[in-house]
Amino acid sequence: ERGKVFCPDPGIPRDAERVKSDGSDASSTSIFEAGESVIYSCKGDLLLQGLSFITCKSDGTWSSSRPQCIRSRGNKYY
């Protein structure tokens, strides 16, 4: 039987929070098994830049890099 595959901690961007796709807390989790997903959200009125949902793939890498939280400037988004 092949061993389980894990992805390294993708980190938490500044002013962001994360949970696992099942809604459980992921703030202190440091390794993730292949197939597990992380959902990011920004605190306050900051905007999420990038994908909010990333998945640990079977090759031990993440489906996307983690997003960032950025400030909006008026009604224009940069």
N, C-alpha and C. Protein backbone atom coordinates (compact mmCIF):
# COMPACT_ATOMS: atom_id res chain seq x y z
N GLU A 1 0.85 -1.20 0.00
CA GLU A 1 0.00 0.00 0.00
C GLU A 1 0.88 1.24 0.00
N ARG A 2 0.53 2.18 -0.82
CA ARG A 2 1.30 3.42 -0.88
C ARG A 2 1.00 4.27 0.34
N GLY A 3 2.00 5.01 0.76
CA GLY A 3 1.81 5.89 1.91
C GLY A 3 0.93 7.07 1.54
N LYS A 4 0.44 7.72 2.55
CA LYS A 4 -0.39 8.90 2.32
C LYS A 4 0.49 10.05 1.83
N VAL A 5 -0.13 10.92 1.07
CA VAL A 5 0.58 12.10 0.54
C VAL A 5 0.10 13.32 1.32
N PHE A 6 1.04 14.17 1.69
CA PHE A 6 0.70 15.38 2.43
C PHE A 6 1.27 16.60 1.73
N CYS A 7 0.62 17.74 1.95
CA CYS A 7 1.11 19.02 1.45
C CYS A 7 1.63 19.83 2.63
N PRO A 8 2.65 20.66 2.39
CA PRO A 8 3.14 21.53 3.46
C PRO A 8 2.10 22.62 3.78
N ASP A 9 2.26 23.22 4.93
CA ASP A 9 1.35 24.29 5.35
C ASP A 9 1.43 25.44 4.35
N PRO A 10 0.31 25.83 3.72
CA PRO A 10 0.35 26.93 2.76
C PRO A 10 0.42 28.30 3.44
N GLY A 11 0.26 28.31 4.75
CA GLY A 11 0.33 29.58 5.48
C GLY A 11 -1.00 30.31 5.51
N ILE A 12 -1.02 31.35 6.30
CA ILE A 12 -2.20 32.20 6.40
C ILE A 12 -1.77 33.63 6.08
N PRO A 13 -2.34 34.23 5.04
CA PRO A 13 -1.95 35.60 4.70
C PRO A 13 -2.30 36.56 5.84
N ARG A 14 -1.64 37.71 5.85
CA ARG A 14 -1.96 38.72 6.85
C ARG A 14 -3.43 39.11 6.74
N ASP A 15 -4.08 39.29 7.86
CA ASP A 15 -5.49 39.71 7.92
C ASP A 15 -6.45 38.69 7.32
N ALA A 16 -6.04 37.43 7.31
CA ALA A 16 -6.92 36.38 6.76
C ALA A 16 -7.15 35.29 7.80
N GLU A 17 -8.17 34.50 7.55
CA GLU A 17 -8.47 33.32 8.36
C GLU A 17 -8.67 32.16 7.41
N ARG A 18 -8.58 30.94 7.93
CA ARG A 18 -8.81 29.78 7.06
C ARG A 18 -9.52 28.68 7.83
N VAL A 19 -10.30 27.91 7.09
CA VAL A 19 -10.95 26.71 7.63
C VAL A 19 -10.76 25.60 6.61
N LYS A 20 -10.94 24.36 7.07
CA LYS A 20 -10.96 23.23 6.13
C LYS A 20 -12.30 23.23 5.42
N SER A 21 -12.37 22.49 4.33
CA SER A 21 -13.60 22.48 3.53
C SER A 21 -14.79 21.92 4.28
N ASP A 22 -14.54 21.15 5.36
CA ASP A 22 -15.66 20.64 6.15
C ASP A 22 -16.08 21.63 7.24
N GLY A 23 -15.44 22.81 7.24
CA GLY A 23 -15.80 23.85 8.20
C GLY A 23 -15.00 23.82 9.48
N SER A 24 -14.14 22.80 9.66
CA SER A 24 -13.36 22.72 10.89
C SER A 24 -12.20 23.71 10.86
N ASP A 25 -11.75 24.08 12.04
CA ASP A 25 -10.69 25.07 12.17
C ASP A 25 -9.39 24.55 11.57
N ALA A 26 -8.72 25.39 10.78
CA ALA A 26 -7.45 24.98 10.19
C ALA A 26 -6.33 25.94 10.57
N SER A 27 -6.59 26.80 11.56
CA SER A 27 -5.60 27.82 11.89
C SER A 27 -4.33 27.25 12.48
N SER A 28 -4.43 26.10 13.16
CA SER A 28 -3.24 25.53 13.78
C SER A 28 -2.78 24.23 13.11
N THR A 29 -3.44 23.85 12.02
CA THR A 29 -3.03 22.65 11.28
C THR A 29 -1.77 22.96 10.49
N SER A 30 -0.78 22.06 10.52
CA SER A 30 0.47 22.36 9.82
C SER A 30 0.70 21.48 8.60
N ILE A 31 0.04 20.33 8.52
CA ILE A 31 0.14 19.51 7.31
C ILE A 31 -1.26 19.09 6.89
N PHE A 32 -1.42 18.91 5.59
CA PHE A 32 -2.72 18.58 5.04
C PHE A 32 -2.58 17.37 4.13
N GLU A 33 -3.54 16.47 4.23
CA GLU A 33 -3.51 15.26 3.42
C GLU A 33 -4.05 15.55 2.03
N ALA A 34 -3.54 14.80 1.04
CA ALA A 34 -4.03 14.95 -0.33
C ALA A 34 -5.55 14.82 -0.34
N GLY A 35 -6.21 15.72 -1.06
CA GLY A 35 -7.66 15.74 -1.12
C GLY A 35 -8.29 16.73 -0.17
N GLU A 36 -7.54 17.15 0.85
CA GLU A 36 -8.08 18.15 1.77
C GLU A 36 -8.00 19.53 1.13
N SER A 37 -8.98 20.35 1.44
CA SER A 37 -9.01 21.71 0.91
C SER A 37 -9.03 22.71 2.05
N VAL A 38 -8.56 23.90 1.75
CA VAL A 38 -8.54 25.00 2.70
C VAL A 38 -9.31 26.16 2.07
N ILE A 39 -10.15 26.80 2.88
CA ILE A 39 -10.91 27.95 2.40
C ILE A 39 -10.45 29.18 3.19
N TYR A 40 -10.03 30.21 2.46
CA TYR A 40 -9.56 31.45 3.08
C TYR A 40 -10.64 32.51 3.04
N SER A 41 -10.64 33.37 4.04
CA SER A 41 -11.49 34.55 4.03
C SER A 41 -10.73 35.69 4.68
N CYS A 42 -11.07 36.90 4.29
CA CYS A 42 -10.40 38.08 4.82
C CYS A 42 -11.19 38.68 5.97
N LYS A 43 -10.47 39.29 6.89
CA LYS A 43 -11.10 39.94 8.03
C LYS A 43 -11.60 41.32 7.61
N GLY A 44 -12.65 41.78 8.27
CA GLY A 44 -13.16 43.13 8.03
C GLY A 44 -13.62 43.32 6.60
N ASP A 45 -13.31 44.50 6.04
CA ASP A 45 -13.78 44.81 4.68
C ASP A 45 -12.68 44.64 3.64
N LEU A 46 -11.67 43.85 3.98
CA LEU A 46 -10.60 43.62 3.02
C LEU A 46 -11.07 42.68 1.91
N LEU A 47 -10.48 42.83 0.75
CA LEU A 47 -10.85 42.02 -0.41
C LEU A 47 -9.87 40.88 -0.59
N LEU A 48 -10.41 39.72 -0.95
CA LEU A 48 -9.57 38.56 -1.23
C LEU A 48 -9.08 38.65 -2.66
N GLN A 49 -7.76 38.59 -2.84
CA GLN A 49 -7.17 38.60 -4.17
C GLN A 49 -6.59 37.22 -4.42
N GLY A 50 -7.14 36.53 -5.40
CA GLY A 50 -6.73 35.16 -5.67
C GLY A 50 -7.86 34.20 -5.37
N LEU A 51 -7.55 32.92 -5.32
CA LEU A 51 -8.57 31.90 -5.09
C LEU A 51 -8.76 31.66 -3.59
N SER A 52 -10.00 31.62 -3.15
CA SER A 52 -10.28 31.41 -1.73
C SER A 52 -10.19 29.93 -1.35
N PHE A 53 -10.25 29.05 -2.35
CA PHE A 53 -10.36 27.61 -2.12
C PHE A 53 -9.18 26.92 -2.79
N ILE A 54 -8.28 26.32 -2.00
CA ILE A 54 -7.16 25.59 -2.59
C ILE A 54 -7.16 24.16 -2.06
N THR A 55 -6.69 23.24 -2.88
CA THR A 55 -6.75 21.82 -2.55
C THR A 55 -5.35 21.20 -2.60
N CYS A 56 -5.09 20.32 -1.63
CA CYS A 56 -3.84 19.56 -1.60
C CYS A 56 -3.95 18.45 -2.64
N LYS A 57 -3.07 18.46 -3.62
CA LYS A 57 -3.14 17.50 -4.72
C LYS A 57 -2.37 16.22 -4.39
N SER A 58 -2.59 15.20 -5.21
CA SER A 58 -2.00 13.88 -4.95
C SER A 58 -0.48 13.86 -5.14
N ASP A 59 0.08 14.93 -5.71
CA ASP A 59 1.55 14.98 -5.85
C ASP A 59 2.20 15.79 -4.73
N GLY A 60 1.40 16.18 -3.73
CA GLY A 60 1.96 16.90 -2.59
C GLY A 60 2.10 18.39 -2.79
N THR A 61 1.48 18.92 -3.83
CA THR A 61 1.50 20.36 -4.06
C THR A 61 0.08 20.90 -3.96
N TRP A 62 -0.03 22.22 -3.81
CA TRP A 62 -1.34 22.87 -3.72
C TRP A 62 -1.85 23.23 -5.11
N SER A 63 -3.16 23.23 -5.27
CA SER A 63 -3.77 23.51 -6.57
C SER A 63 -3.53 24.95 -7.01
N SER A 64 -3.25 25.83 -6.07
CA SER A 64 -3.00 27.24 -6.37
C SER A 64 -2.22 27.82 -5.21
N SER A 65 -1.59 28.96 -5.44
CA SER A 65 -0.93 29.62 -4.32
C SER A 65 -1.99 30.27 -3.44
N ARG A 66 -1.63 30.55 -2.20
CA ARG A 66 -2.61 31.13 -1.29
C ARG A 66 -2.95 32.56 -1.73
N PRO A 67 -4.16 33.01 -1.41
CA PRO A 67 -4.57 34.36 -1.80
C PRO A 67 -3.97 35.40 -0.85
N GLN A 68 -4.27 36.66 -1.14
CA GLN A 68 -3.88 37.76 -0.27
C GLN A 68 -5.11 38.57 0.06
N CYS A 69 -5.05 39.31 1.15
CA CYS A 69 -6.12 40.24 1.50
C CYS A 69 -5.62 41.65 1.23
N ILE A 70 -6.38 42.39 0.45
CA ILE A 70 -5.98 43.74 0.08
C ILE A 70 -7.08 44.73 0.42
N ARG A 71 -6.69 45.97 0.57
CA ARG A 71 -7.67 47.02 0.85
C ARG A 71 -8.28 47.50 -0.46
N SER A 72 -9.57 47.81 -0.42
CA SER A 72 -10.20 48.39 -1.60
C SER A 72 -9.97 49.90 -1.56
N ARG A 73 -9.92 50.50 -2.71
CA ARG A 73 -9.73 51.95 -2.78
C ARG A 73 -10.98 52.54 -3.40
N GLY A 74 -11.84 53.10 -2.57
CA GLY A 74 -13.09 53.64 -3.07
C GLY A 74 -13.91 52.54 -3.70
N ASN A 75 -14.45 52.80 -4.88
CA ASN A 75 -15.24 51.80 -5.58
C ASN A 75 -14.42 51.06 -6.62
N LYS A 76 -13.14 51.42 -6.75
CA LYS A 76 -12.28 50.76 -7.73
C LYS A 76 -11.45 49.71 -7.01
N TYR A 77 -11.27 48.59 -7.66
CA TYR A 77 -10.51 47.51 -7.06
C TYR A 77 -9.19 47.35 -7.80
N TYR A 78 -8.12 47.29 -7.07
CA TYR A 78 -6.78 47.16 -7.67
C TYR A 78 -6.19 45.82 -7.34
